[in-house]
Amino acid sequence: MDRSPLLDILWIECDAYGRHYFVCCCYHPPRPKYAINALVNCLASDIYYINKLYVDAIIIIGGDFNQLNTSFLETDHGLVQMVPSPTHCGHLTDKIFASCPFVYKCTVYRSILKTKHCGVLLVNTDDPLPASSCKRKVQLFDLRAHNIDRLRYNISIYPWDSLMLCNDSTSCCKSD
């Protein structure tokens, strides 16, 4: 995949306690000089690649996303946005996404540096995880708009009348 040299994405891989960690730092400027899809596609392909290599990898992505719609990280990749409150002038622009949110606590605090941004700290609140406790295969429902629209359509054409009719042999319509 061709990566734009204008993208500010840095991945760090490390192993700790028998687990693979992939930490990404990225910056999306307010007026980028690249197509927005370039950043989205780059992050998506990196996550797919990591998950292909290590099924149990812990992925953490953090950075200043400004007004970028980051919902694809949650809906398409199962990451959870951890930052609980606004981080810049009343807006949530600085975000951290984690693949294992239940072992982390995120705190927003006022920075001691002269900046309009708040500081964000993600802390592991759990003991080191056993190698298989974080990621496991589960069935998730795909909540992207086109799938919701398809579900609505199928619900609308289903012959619901058959459920509304009561058979005499059942007790659903009998009065006591």
N, C-alpha and C. Protein backbone atom coordinates (compact mmCIF):
# COMPACT_ATOMS: atom_id res chain seq x y z
N MET A 1 0.85 -1.18 0.00
CA MET A 1 0.00 0.00 0.00
C MET A 1 0.88 1.24 0.00
N ASP A 2 0.57 2.19 -0.86
CA ASP A 2 1.31 3.44 -0.88
C ASP A 2 0.85 4.31 0.27
N ARG A 3 1.80 4.75 1.05
CA ARG A 3 1.49 5.62 2.19
C ARG A 3 1.93 7.03 1.84
N SER A 4 1.06 7.96 2.14
CA SER A 4 1.41 9.35 1.91
C SER A 4 2.47 9.77 2.92
N PRO A 5 3.51 10.45 2.46
CA PRO A 5 4.53 10.92 3.41
C PRO A 5 3.98 12.02 4.32
N LEU A 6 2.79 12.51 4.02
CA LEU A 6 2.20 13.56 4.83
C LEU A 6 1.48 13.03 6.07
N LEU A 7 1.26 11.71 6.14
CA LEU A 7 0.56 11.12 7.28
C LEU A 7 1.47 11.07 8.49
N ASP A 8 0.94 11.48 9.63
CA ASP A 8 1.69 11.42 10.89
C ASP A 8 1.19 10.22 11.68
N ILE A 9 1.76 9.05 11.40
CA ILE A 9 1.40 7.81 12.08
C ILE A 9 2.69 7.11 12.48
N LEU A 10 2.77 6.73 13.76
CA LEU A 10 3.93 6.01 14.25
C LEU A 10 3.45 4.82 15.06
N TRP A 11 3.89 3.62 14.67
CA TRP A 11 3.54 2.40 15.39
C TRP A 11 4.75 1.92 16.18
N ILE A 12 4.49 1.46 17.39
CA ILE A 12 5.52 0.85 18.23
C ILE A 12 5.03 -0.54 18.60
N GLU A 13 5.87 -1.53 18.38
CA GLU A 13 5.54 -2.90 18.76
C GLU A 13 6.42 -3.29 19.93
N CYS A 14 5.80 -3.91 20.94
CA CYS A 14 6.60 -4.42 22.05
C CYS A 14 5.93 -5.66 22.64
N ASP A 15 6.73 -6.46 23.29
CA ASP A 15 6.23 -7.66 23.96
C ASP A 15 6.42 -7.47 25.46
N ALA A 16 5.39 -7.76 26.22
CA ALA A 16 5.46 -7.68 27.68
C ALA A 16 4.53 -8.73 28.26
N TYR A 17 5.02 -9.44 29.27
CA TYR A 17 4.23 -10.46 29.94
C TYR A 17 3.66 -11.49 28.97
N GLY A 18 4.40 -11.78 27.92
CA GLY A 18 3.97 -12.79 26.96
C GLY A 18 2.90 -12.31 26.00
N ARG A 19 2.68 -11.01 25.91
CA ARG A 19 1.65 -10.45 25.02
C ARG A 19 2.31 -9.52 24.01
N HIS A 20 1.65 -9.39 22.87
CA HIS A 20 2.12 -8.48 21.83
C HIS A 20 1.30 -7.19 21.95
N TYR A 21 2.00 -6.07 22.09
CA TYR A 21 1.37 -4.76 22.16
C TYR A 21 1.75 -3.97 20.91
N PHE A 22 0.76 -3.30 20.32
CA PHE A 22 0.99 -2.40 19.21
C PHE A 22 0.37 -1.06 19.60
N VAL A 23 1.22 -0.05 19.73
CA VAL A 23 0.77 1.27 20.15
C VAL A 23 0.99 2.22 18.99
N CYS A 24 -0.05 2.94 18.64
CA CYS A 24 0.01 3.87 17.52
C CYS A 24 -0.21 5.30 18.02
N CYS A 25 0.64 6.19 17.57
CA CYS A 25 0.46 7.62 17.82
C CYS A 25 0.20 8.27 16.47
N CYS A 26 -0.85 9.07 16.40
CA CYS A 26 -1.13 9.72 15.11
C CYS A 26 -1.66 11.13 15.33
N TYR A 27 -1.50 11.93 14.30
CA TYR A 27 -1.97 13.31 14.32
C TYR A 27 -2.68 13.59 13.00
N HIS A 28 -3.91 14.08 13.13
CA HIS A 28 -4.69 14.48 11.96
C HIS A 28 -4.92 15.98 12.09
N PRO A 29 -4.25 16.79 11.27
CA PRO A 29 -4.37 18.24 11.41
C PRO A 29 -5.76 18.75 11.04
N PRO A 30 -6.10 19.95 11.51
CA PRO A 30 -7.42 20.52 11.20
C PRO A 30 -7.66 20.68 9.70
N ARG A 31 -6.63 21.03 8.96
CA ARG A 31 -6.73 21.18 7.51
C ARG A 31 -5.63 20.33 6.86
N PRO A 32 -5.88 19.02 6.73
CA PRO A 32 -4.82 18.14 6.22
C PRO A 32 -4.51 18.41 4.75
N LYS A 33 -3.28 18.11 4.38
CA LYS A 33 -2.85 18.26 2.99
C LYS A 33 -2.93 16.93 2.26
N TYR A 34 -3.65 15.99 2.84
CA TYR A 34 -3.84 14.68 2.24
C TYR A 34 -5.33 14.36 2.25
N ALA A 35 -5.73 13.41 1.45
CA ALA A 35 -7.13 12.97 1.45
C ALA A 35 -7.41 12.28 2.77
N ILE A 36 -8.54 12.60 3.37
CA ILE A 36 -8.90 12.03 4.68
C ILE A 36 -8.93 10.51 4.61
N ASN A 37 -9.40 9.96 3.49
CA ASN A 37 -9.44 8.51 3.34
C ASN A 37 -8.06 7.87 3.41
N ALA A 38 -7.02 8.65 3.12
CA ALA A 38 -5.65 8.10 3.19
C ALA A 38 -5.32 7.70 4.62
N LEU A 39 -5.68 8.53 5.59
CA LEU A 39 -5.43 8.21 6.99
C LEU A 39 -6.30 7.05 7.45
N VAL A 40 -7.57 7.09 7.09
CA VAL A 40 -8.51 6.03 7.48
C VAL A 40 -8.06 4.69 6.89
N ASN A 41 -7.73 4.66 5.62
CA ASN A 41 -7.31 3.42 4.97
C ASN A 41 -5.99 2.91 5.52
N CYS A 42 -5.08 3.81 5.84
CA CYS A 42 -3.79 3.41 6.38
C CYS A 42 -3.97 2.76 7.76
N LEU A 43 -4.74 3.39 8.64
CA LEU A 43 -4.98 2.81 9.96
C LEU A 43 -5.71 1.46 9.85
N ALA A 44 -6.70 1.41 8.97
CA ALA A 44 -7.47 0.17 8.79
C ALA A 44 -6.58 -0.96 8.30
N SER A 45 -5.74 -0.69 7.31
CA SER A 45 -4.87 -1.75 6.79
C SER A 45 -3.84 -2.18 7.83
N ASP A 46 -3.34 -1.24 8.63
CA ASP A 46 -2.40 -1.60 9.68
C ASP A 46 -3.06 -2.51 10.72
N ILE A 47 -4.28 -2.19 11.11
CA ILE A 47 -5.00 -3.00 12.11
C ILE A 47 -5.27 -4.40 11.54
N TYR A 48 -5.71 -4.48 10.29
CA TYR A 48 -5.93 -5.79 9.67
C TYR A 48 -4.63 -6.61 9.67
N TYR A 49 -3.54 -5.98 9.32
CA TYR A 49 -2.25 -6.66 9.26
C TYR A 49 -1.84 -7.19 10.64
N ILE A 50 -1.98 -6.35 11.66
CA ILE A 50 -1.63 -6.76 13.03
C ILE A 50 -2.50 -7.93 13.47
N ASN A 51 -3.81 -7.82 13.25
CA ASN A 51 -4.71 -8.90 13.66
C ASN A 51 -4.47 -10.19 12.89
N LYS A 52 -3.96 -10.07 11.68
CA LYS A 52 -3.63 -11.25 10.89
C LYS A 52 -2.39 -11.95 11.47
N LEU A 53 -1.43 -11.15 11.93
CA LEU A 53 -0.20 -11.71 12.51
C LEU A 53 -0.41 -12.28 13.90
N TYR A 54 -1.13 -11.53 14.76
CA TYR A 54 -1.30 -11.91 16.16
C TYR A 54 -2.77 -11.79 16.53
N VAL A 55 -3.41 -12.91 16.75
CA VAL A 55 -4.83 -12.90 17.10
C VAL A 55 -5.05 -12.27 18.47
N ASP A 56 -4.07 -12.40 19.36
CA ASP A 56 -4.23 -11.91 20.73
C ASP A 56 -3.52 -10.58 20.98
N ALA A 57 -3.14 -9.86 19.94
CA ALA A 57 -2.43 -8.59 20.11
C ALA A 57 -3.32 -7.54 20.78
N ILE A 58 -2.70 -6.73 21.60
CA ILE A 58 -3.39 -5.60 22.20
C ILE A 58 -3.02 -4.37 21.38
N ILE A 59 -4.04 -3.69 20.87
CA ILE A 59 -3.84 -2.52 20.01
C ILE A 59 -4.32 -1.29 20.76
N ILE A 60 -3.46 -0.27 20.80
CA ILE A 60 -3.82 1.02 21.40
C ILE A 60 -3.48 2.09 20.38
N ILE A 61 -4.46 2.92 20.05
CA ILE A 61 -4.25 4.01 19.09
C ILE A 61 -4.63 5.31 19.78
N GLY A 62 -3.71 6.26 19.80
CA GLY A 62 -3.99 7.53 20.44
C GLY A 62 -3.48 8.68 19.61
N GLY A 63 -4.10 9.83 19.79
CA GLY A 63 -3.62 11.00 19.09
C GLY A 63 -4.65 12.11 19.03
N ASP A 64 -4.26 13.16 18.34
CA ASP A 64 -5.13 14.31 18.11
C ASP A 64 -5.79 14.09 16.76
N PHE A 65 -7.09 13.79 16.79
CA PHE A 65 -7.82 13.47 15.57
C PHE A 65 -8.61 14.66 15.04
N ASN A 66 -8.59 15.78 15.77
CA ASN A 66 -9.36 16.96 15.40
C ASN A 66 -10.79 16.56 15.05
N GLN A 67 -11.30 16.90 13.90
CA GLN A 67 -12.70 16.62 13.57
C GLN A 67 -12.88 15.36 12.73
N LEU A 68 -11.88 14.49 12.69
CA LEU A 68 -11.98 13.25 11.92
C LEU A 68 -13.03 12.33 12.54
N ASN A 69 -13.89 11.75 11.71
CA ASN A 69 -14.87 10.78 12.19
C ASN A 69 -14.13 9.47 12.43
N THR A 70 -13.94 9.13 13.70
CA THR A 70 -13.17 7.95 14.08
C THR A 70 -14.05 6.75 14.38
N SER A 71 -15.32 6.82 14.03
CA SER A 71 -16.23 5.71 14.36
C SER A 71 -15.81 4.41 13.67
N PHE A 72 -15.07 4.49 12.56
CA PHE A 72 -14.63 3.27 11.87
C PHE A 72 -13.73 2.42 12.76
N LEU A 73 -13.01 3.03 13.68
CA LEU A 73 -12.15 2.26 14.58
C LEU A 73 -12.99 1.41 15.53
N GLU A 74 -14.16 1.91 15.88
CA GLU A 74 -15.05 1.17 16.78
C GLU A 74 -15.91 0.17 16.01
N THR A 75 -16.56 0.62 14.95
CA THR A 75 -17.51 -0.24 14.24
C THR A 75 -16.83 -1.29 13.38
N ASP A 76 -15.74 -0.94 12.74
CA ASP A 76 -15.09 -1.87 11.82
C ASP A 76 -13.98 -2.70 12.47
N HIS A 77 -13.40 -2.19 13.57
CA HIS A 77 -12.23 -2.86 14.14
C HIS A 77 -12.39 -3.24 15.60
N GLY A 78 -13.51 -2.91 16.21
CA GLY A 78 -13.79 -3.35 17.57
C GLY A 78 -13.01 -2.65 18.66
N LEU A 79 -12.38 -1.53 18.34
CA LEU A 79 -11.66 -0.78 19.36
C LEU A 79 -12.66 0.07 20.15
N VAL A 80 -12.30 0.43 21.36
CA VAL A 80 -13.18 1.22 22.22
C VAL A 80 -12.49 2.54 22.53
N GLN A 81 -13.22 3.64 22.34
CA GLN A 81 -12.71 4.97 22.63
C GLN A 81 -12.73 5.15 24.14
N MET A 82 -11.60 5.49 24.74
CA MET A 82 -11.44 5.49 26.19
C MET A 82 -11.52 6.86 26.86
N VAL A 83 -11.35 7.95 26.12
CA VAL A 83 -11.27 9.28 26.72
C VAL A 83 -12.68 9.72 27.14
N PRO A 84 -12.88 10.01 28.44
CA PRO A 84 -14.23 10.25 28.94
C PRO A 84 -14.75 11.69 28.83
N SER A 85 -13.91 12.66 28.52
CA SER A 85 -14.39 14.05 28.52
C SER A 85 -13.63 14.88 27.49
N PRO A 86 -14.13 16.09 27.19
CA PRO A 86 -13.49 16.95 26.19
C PRO A 86 -12.02 17.22 26.52
N THR A 87 -11.23 17.38 25.47
CA THR A 87 -9.79 17.57 25.66
C THR A 87 -9.25 18.86 25.05
N HIS A 88 -10.08 19.56 24.27
CA HIS A 88 -9.60 20.79 23.62
C HIS A 88 -10.76 21.74 23.40
N CYS A 89 -10.79 22.81 24.15
CA CYS A 89 -11.81 23.86 24.00
C CYS A 89 -13.23 23.28 23.98
N GLY A 90 -13.53 22.36 24.86
CA GLY A 90 -14.87 21.78 24.94
C GLY A 90 -15.16 20.69 23.93
N HIS A 91 -14.18 20.28 23.15
CA HIS A 91 -14.36 19.24 22.13
C HIS A 91 -13.48 18.04 22.45
N LEU A 92 -13.95 16.88 22.05
CA LEU A 92 -13.16 15.65 22.23
C LEU A 92 -12.37 15.41 20.96
N THR A 93 -11.17 15.97 20.91
CA THR A 93 -10.32 15.80 19.72
C THR A 93 -9.17 14.84 19.97
N ASP A 94 -8.71 14.77 21.22
CA ASP A 94 -7.63 13.86 21.58
C ASP A 94 -8.28 12.58 22.09
N LYS A 95 -8.01 11.47 21.41
CA LYS A 95 -8.70 10.22 21.72
C LYS A 95 -7.69 9.09 21.86
N ILE A 96 -8.09 8.10 22.63
CA ILE A 96 -7.32 6.86 22.74
C ILE A 96 -8.30 5.71 22.53
N PHE A 97 -7.94 4.79 21.65
CA PHE A 97 -8.74 3.61 21.36
C PHE A 97 -7.96 2.39 21.82
N ALA A 98 -8.65 1.44 22.44
CA ALA A 98 -7.98 0.23 22.93
C ALA A 98 -8.77 -1.00 22.56
N SER A 99 -8.05 -2.08 22.28
CA SER A 99 -8.72 -3.34 21.95
C SER A 99 -9.13 -4.11 23.21
N CYS A 100 -8.54 -3.78 24.35
CA CYS A 100 -8.89 -4.41 25.64
C CYS A 100 -9.24 -3.32 26.64
N PRO A 101 -10.40 -2.69 26.49
CA PRO A 101 -10.71 -1.53 27.33
C PRO A 101 -10.91 -1.85 28.80
N PHE A 102 -11.23 -3.09 29.13
CA PHE A 102 -11.56 -3.42 30.51
C PHE A 102 -10.34 -3.45 31.42
N VAL A 103 -9.14 -3.39 30.89
CA VAL A 103 -7.96 -3.39 31.75
C VAL A 103 -7.31 -2.01 31.86
N TYR A 104 -7.96 -1.00 31.26
CA TYR A 104 -7.38 0.34 31.28
C TYR A 104 -8.36 1.35 31.86
N LYS A 105 -7.78 2.38 32.46
CA LYS A 105 -8.56 3.52 32.93
C LYS A 105 -7.94 4.76 32.31
N CYS A 106 -8.79 5.62 31.77
CA CYS A 106 -8.31 6.82 31.11
C CYS A 106 -8.73 8.05 31.92
N THR A 107 -7.79 8.96 32.11
CA THR A 107 -8.04 10.17 32.87
C THR A 107 -7.64 11.38 32.04
N VAL A 108 -8.47 12.41 32.06
CA VAL A 108 -8.17 13.67 31.40
C VAL A 108 -7.82 14.67 32.49
N TYR A 109 -6.73 15.39 32.30
CA TYR A 109 -6.30 16.35 33.31
C TYR A 109 -5.78 17.61 32.64
N ARG A 110 -5.76 18.68 33.40
CA ARG A 110 -5.26 19.95 32.88
C ARG A 110 -3.75 19.87 32.75
N SER A 111 -3.26 20.28 31.60
CA SER A 111 -1.84 20.20 31.33
C SER A 111 -1.08 21.32 32.03
N ILE A 112 0.15 21.03 32.46
CA ILE A 112 0.97 22.08 33.05
C ILE A 112 1.70 22.87 31.96
N LEU A 113 1.63 22.38 30.72
CA LEU A 113 2.20 23.11 29.59
C LEU A 113 1.23 24.17 29.12
N LYS A 114 1.74 25.20 28.47
CA LYS A 114 0.87 26.24 27.93
C LYS A 114 0.28 25.74 26.62
N THR A 115 -0.94 25.20 26.72
CA THR A 115 -1.64 24.63 25.57
C THR A 115 -3.13 24.64 25.84
N LYS A 116 -3.91 24.61 24.78
CA LYS A 116 -5.37 24.51 24.92
C LYS A 116 -5.82 23.07 25.09
N HIS A 117 -4.89 22.14 24.89
CA HIS A 117 -5.21 20.72 25.02
C HIS A 117 -5.04 20.26 26.47
N CYS A 118 -5.88 19.34 26.86
CA CYS A 118 -5.72 18.69 28.15
C CYS A 118 -4.77 17.50 27.98
N GLY A 119 -4.22 17.05 29.07
CA GLY A 119 -3.42 15.84 29.04
C GLY A 119 -4.33 14.62 29.17
N VAL A 120 -3.94 13.53 28.57
CA VAL A 120 -4.72 12.29 28.64
C VAL A 120 -3.76 11.18 29.07
N LEU A 121 -4.19 10.41 30.08
CA LEU A 121 -3.36 9.35 30.59
C LEU A 121 -4.15 8.05 30.60
N LEU A 122 -3.60 7.02 29.98
CA LEU A 122 -4.20 5.69 29.97
C LEU A 122 -3.35 4.79 30.85
N VAL A 123 -3.98 4.20 31.87
CA VAL A 123 -3.25 3.40 32.85
C VAL A 123 -3.83 2.00 32.89
N ASN A 124 -2.94 1.01 32.94
CA ASN A 124 -3.35 -0.38 33.09
C ASN A 124 -3.77 -0.58 34.54
N THR A 125 -5.02 -0.96 34.77
CA THR A 125 -5.54 -1.14 36.12
C THR A 125 -5.54 -2.58 36.56
N ASP A 126 -5.06 -3.46 35.73
CA ASP A 126 -5.09 -4.88 36.01
C ASP A 126 -3.68 -5.43 36.11
N ASP A 127 -3.55 -6.57 36.71
CA ASP A 127 -2.28 -7.28 36.70
C ASP A 127 -2.01 -7.73 35.27
N PRO A 128 -0.79 -8.11 34.98
CA PRO A 128 -0.52 -8.62 33.61
C PRO A 128 -1.50 -9.73 33.25
N LEU A 129 -1.99 -9.64 32.03
CA LEU A 129 -3.00 -10.59 31.57
C LEU A 129 -2.38 -11.92 31.19
N PRO A 130 -3.08 -13.01 31.46
CA PRO A 130 -2.63 -14.27 30.88
C PRO A 130 -2.75 -14.18 29.36
N ALA A 131 -1.98 -14.95 28.65
CA ALA A 131 -1.87 -14.81 27.19
C ALA A 131 -3.18 -14.95 26.45
N SER A 132 -4.19 -15.61 26.98
CA SER A 132 -5.40 -15.84 26.20
C SER A 132 -6.63 -15.14 26.76
N SER A 133 -6.49 -14.26 27.75
CA SER A 133 -7.68 -13.73 28.40
C SER A 133 -8.26 -12.49 27.73
N CYS A 134 -7.54 -11.82 26.87
CA CYS A 134 -8.04 -10.56 26.34
C CYS A 134 -8.84 -10.73 25.06
N LYS A 135 -8.28 -11.34 24.07
CA LYS A 135 -8.99 -11.47 22.80
C LYS A 135 -9.51 -12.89 22.65
N ARG A 136 -10.74 -12.97 22.25
CA ARG A 136 -11.32 -14.25 21.91
C ARG A 136 -12.34 -14.00 20.82
N LYS A 137 -12.64 -15.01 20.07
CA LYS A 137 -13.60 -14.86 19.00
C LYS A 137 -15.00 -14.82 19.57
N VAL A 138 -15.74 -13.79 19.22
CA VAL A 138 -17.13 -13.67 19.60
C VAL A 138 -17.90 -13.18 18.38
N GLN A 139 -19.16 -13.46 18.35
CA GLN A 139 -19.97 -13.00 17.24
C GLN A 139 -20.50 -11.61 17.57
N LEU A 140 -20.24 -10.67 16.68
CA LEU A 140 -20.72 -9.31 16.85
C LEU A 140 -21.67 -8.97 15.72
N PHE A 141 -22.59 -8.10 16.01
CA PHE A 141 -23.50 -7.65 14.98
C PHE A 141 -22.89 -6.45 14.29
N ASP A 142 -22.95 -6.46 12.99
CA ASP A 142 -22.39 -5.38 12.19
C ASP A 142 -23.40 -4.24 12.16
N LEU A 143 -23.07 -3.13 12.80
CA LEU A 143 -24.01 -2.02 12.95
C LEU A 143 -23.76 -0.89 11.95
N ARG A 144 -23.07 -1.19 10.86
CA ARG A 144 -22.89 -0.14 9.85
C ARG A 144 -24.22 0.16 9.18
N ALA A 145 -24.37 1.37 8.70
CA ALA A 145 -25.66 1.88 8.20
C ALA A 145 -26.27 0.98 7.12
N HIS A 146 -25.48 0.52 6.17
CA HIS A 146 -26.05 -0.29 5.09
C HIS A 146 -26.62 -1.61 5.62
N ASN A 147 -26.03 -2.16 6.67
CA ASN A 147 -26.56 -3.39 7.25
C ASN A 147 -27.83 -3.13 8.07
N ILE A 148 -27.89 -2.02 8.75
CA ILE A 148 -29.10 -1.64 9.49
C ILE A 148 -30.24 -1.40 8.50
N ASP A 149 -29.95 -0.74 7.38
CA ASP A 149 -30.96 -0.52 6.36
C ASP A 149 -31.48 -1.84 5.80
N ARG A 150 -30.58 -2.79 5.57
CA ARG A 150 -30.99 -4.11 5.07
C ARG A 150 -31.86 -4.83 6.10
N LEU A 151 -31.51 -4.73 7.38
CA LEU A 151 -32.32 -5.32 8.44
C LEU A 151 -33.71 -4.70 8.48
N ARG A 152 -33.78 -3.38 8.41
CA ARG A 152 -35.09 -2.69 8.40
C ARG A 152 -35.94 -3.16 7.23
N TYR A 153 -35.33 -3.28 6.04
CA TYR A 153 -36.06 -3.72 4.87
C TYR A 153 -36.62 -5.13 5.08
N ASN A 154 -35.77 -6.04 5.56
CA ASN A 154 -36.21 -7.42 5.76
C ASN A 154 -37.29 -7.53 6.83
N ILE A 155 -37.21 -6.70 7.85
CA ILE A 155 -38.27 -6.69 8.87
C ILE A 155 -39.58 -6.18 8.25
N SER A 156 -39.47 -5.20 7.37
CA SER A 156 -40.69 -4.64 6.78
C SER A 156 -41.38 -5.59 5.81
N ILE A 157 -40.64 -6.50 5.17
CA ILE A 157 -41.28 -7.41 4.21
C ILE A 157 -41.62 -8.77 4.82
N TYR A 158 -41.25 -9.00 6.07
CA TYR A 158 -41.54 -10.28 6.71
C TYR A 158 -43.05 -10.42 6.93
N PRO A 159 -43.62 -11.61 6.70
CA PRO A 159 -45.06 -11.80 6.89
C PRO A 159 -45.42 -11.94 8.38
N TRP A 160 -45.54 -10.82 9.05
CA TRP A 160 -45.81 -10.80 10.48
C TRP A 160 -47.22 -11.28 10.83
N ASP A 161 -48.13 -11.31 9.87
CA ASP A 161 -49.50 -11.72 10.14
C ASP A 161 -49.56 -13.12 10.74
N SER A 162 -48.64 -14.00 10.31
CA SER A 162 -48.67 -15.37 10.83
C SER A 162 -48.43 -15.41 12.33
N LEU A 163 -47.70 -14.44 12.86
CA LEU A 163 -47.48 -14.39 14.30
C LEU A 163 -48.68 -13.83 15.05
N MET A 164 -49.47 -13.07 14.38
CA MET A 164 -50.61 -12.43 15.02
C MET A 164 -51.82 -13.36 15.12
N LEU A 165 -51.87 -14.37 14.26
CA LEU A 165 -52.99 -15.31 14.29
C LEU A 165 -52.78 -16.33 15.39
N CYS A 166 -53.80 -16.61 16.12
CA CYS A 166 -53.69 -17.59 17.20
C CYS A 166 -54.43 -18.85 16.82
N ASN A 167 -53.81 -19.93 17.10
CA ASN A 167 -54.40 -21.23 16.87
C ASN A 167 -55.22 -21.59 18.11
N ASP A 168 -56.35 -22.28 17.92
CA ASP A 168 -57.18 -22.65 19.06
C ASP A 168 -56.47 -23.57 20.02
N SER A 169 -55.48 -24.30 19.54
CA SER A 169 -54.79 -25.24 20.41
C SER A 169 -53.75 -24.54 21.31
N THR A 170 -53.52 -23.26 21.06
CA THR A 170 -52.58 -22.54 21.91
C THR A 170 -53.34 -21.71 22.92
N SER A 171 -52.67 -21.30 23.92
CA SER A 171 -53.34 -20.52 24.97
C SER A 171 -53.17 -19.03 24.82
N CYS A 172 -52.56 -18.57 23.72
CA CYS A 172 -52.25 -17.15 23.61
C CYS A 172 -53.51 -16.30 23.46
N CYS A 173 -54.58 -16.83 22.89
CA CYS A 173 -55.77 -16.02 22.66
C CYS A 173 -56.92 -16.41 23.57
N LYS A 174 -56.74 -17.41 24.37
CA LYS A 174 -57.84 -17.85 25.23
C LYS A 174 -57.97 -16.91 26.41
N SER A 175 -59.17 -16.62 26.76
CA SER A 175 -59.40 -15.79 27.93
C SER A 175 -59.70 -16.71 29.11
N ASP A 176 -59.23 -16.31 30.25
CA ASP A 176 -59.42 -17.14 31.45
C ASP A 176 -60.72 -16.86 32.12
